């Protein structure tokens, strides 16, 4: 019987006036991260195609295009790593705000 009361107390409603702001911040992080992921998946194929066109035709335009896109791809990857890391922390913090019992910060 004590176990049932303990688990019921773990799911009791808590006044969390900052939960909406935390969810909005996570939504903003997703709005930035998801397009970066899409471009990060598409850019390697585009760079590979531009490199192939350069090797096939010998046109220096395609080589210049591939070099510029590869620099852009590196920058997108770096920003994607940062936003992905931020999201991983936000996932953990949102769980703590809800009172998740597996989160070390919510244990007493």
Protein backbone atom coordinates (compact mmCIF):
# COMPACT_ATOMS: atom_id res chain seq x y z
CA UNK A 1 0.00 0.00 0.00
CA UNK A 2 2.88 2.39 0.76
CA UNK A 3 4.28 1.81 -2.74
CA UNK A 4 1.01 2.90 -4.32
CA UNK A 5 0.92 6.10 -2.27
CA UNK A 6 4.55 6.87 -3.11
CA UNK A 7 4.00 6.49 -6.85
CA UNK A 8 0.81 8.57 -6.66
CA UNK A 9 2.73 11.35 -4.92
CA UNK A 10 5.34 11.27 -7.68
CA UNK A 11 2.70 12.14 -10.28
CA UNK A 12 0.98 14.86 -8.26
CA UNK A 13 0.37 18.17 -10.00
CA UNK A 14 3.03 20.78 -9.37
CA UNK A 15 2.79 24.52 -10.02
CA UNK A 16 5.35 25.11 -12.78
CA UNK A 17 4.98 28.67 -14.04
CA UNK A 18 8.14 28.34 -16.17
CA UNK A 19 7.18 25.19 -18.06
CA UNK A 20 5.61 27.13 -20.96
CA UNK A 21 8.77 29.19 -21.44
CA UNK A 22 10.90 26.04 -21.37
CA UNK A 23 8.73 24.44 -24.04
CA UNK A 24 8.88 27.60 -26.17
CA UNK A 25 12.67 27.63 -25.93
CA UNK A 26 12.81 23.99 -26.99
CA UNK A 27 10.47 24.71 -29.91
CA UNK A 28 12.79 27.51 -31.04
CA UNK A 29 15.77 25.16 -30.82
CA UNK A 30 13.92 22.60 -32.95
CA UNK A 31 12.97 25.29 -35.47
CA UNK A 32 16.66 26.08 -35.91
CA UNK A 33 17.99 22.53 -35.75
CA UNK A 34 15.62 20.70 -38.13
CA UNK A 35 16.41 22.81 -41.25
CA UNK A 36 20.12 22.42 -40.48
CA UNK A 37 19.68 18.66 -40.43
CA UNK A 38 17.87 18.73 -43.78
CA UNK A 39 20.61 20.80 -45.40
CA UNK A 40 23.27 18.68 -43.72
CA UNK A 41 21.83 15.57 -45.35
CA UNK A 42 21.41 17.19 -48.78
CA UNK A 43 24.73 19.05 -49.09
CA UNK A 44 27.07 16.02 -49.32
CA UNK A 45 25.09 14.68 -52.28
CA UNK A 46 25.17 18.08 -53.98
CA UNK A 47 28.93 18.43 -53.40
CA UNK A 48 29.48 14.92 -54.74
CA UNK A 49 27.43 15.77 -57.84
CA UNK A 50 29.37 19.00 -58.42
CA UNK A 51 32.69 17.15 -58.02
CA UNK A 52 31.53 14.48 -60.47
CA UNK A 53 30.50 17.14 -62.98
CA UNK A 54 33.92 18.77 -62.64
CA UNK A 55 35.72 15.48 -63.20
CA UNK A 56 33.46 14.64 -66.14
CA UNK A 57 33.56 18.03 -67.91
CA UNK A 58 36.71 19.71 -66.59
CA UNK A 59 34.74 22.95 -66.14
CA UNK A 60 36.34 24.95 -63.27
CA UNK A 61 32.91 26.36 -62.37
CA UNK A 62 31.88 23.00 -60.89
CA UNK A 63 35.11 22.73 -58.90
CA UNK A 64 34.59 26.22 -57.47
CA UNK A 65 30.97 25.37 -56.69
CA UNK A 66 31.95 22.14 -54.91
CA UNK A 67 34.60 23.93 -52.84
CA UNK A 68 32.17 26.65 -51.76
CA UNK A 69 29.47 24.13 -50.92
CA UNK A 70 31.92 22.06 -48.90
CA UNK A 71 32.81 25.13 -46.81
CA UNK A 72 29.11 25.80 -46.30
CA UNK A 73 28.61 22.14 -45.40
CA UNK A 74 31.30 22.36 -42.70
CA UNK A 75 29.71 25.47 -41.20
CA UNK A 76 26.24 23.86 -41.21
CA UNK A 77 27.64 20.75 -39.56
CA UNK A 78 29.28 22.80 -36.80
CA UNK A 79 26.12 24.79 -36.10
CA UNK A 80 24.09 21.57 -36.19
CA UNK A 81 26.35 20.00 -33.58
CA UNK A 82 25.86 22.99 -31.30
CA UNK A 83 22.07 23.09 -31.70
CA UNK A 84 21.85 19.31 -31.29
CA UNK A 85 23.84 19.51 -28.07
CA UNK A 86 21.56 22.26 -26.81
CA UNK A 87 18.53 20.10 -27.63
CA UNK A 88 19.95 17.12 -25.75
CA UNK A 89 20.32 19.26 -22.65
CA UNK A 90 16.83 20.67 -23.11
CA UNK A 91 15.37 17.16 -23.32
CA UNK A 92 16.95 16.36 -19.99
CA UNK A 93 15.87 19.60 -18.37
CA UNK A 94 12.28 19.35 -19.57
CA UNK A 95 12.12 15.90 -17.99
CA UNK A 96 13.41 17.36 -14.73
CA UNK A 97 10.82 20.12 -14.84
CA UNK A 98 8.05 17.54 -15.14
CA UNK A 99 9.31 15.70 -12.09
CA UNK A 100 10.72 12.69 -13.90
CA UNK A 101 11.81 10.16 -11.30
CA UNK A 102 14.78 8.92 -13.37
CA UNK A 103 16.37 12.38 -13.50
CA UNK A 104 19.10 12.88 -10.88
CA UNK A 105 18.08 16.51 -10.35
CA UNK A 106 14.54 15.56 -9.33
CA UNK A 107 15.58 13.01 -6.69
CA UNK A 108 15.45 14.13 -3.12
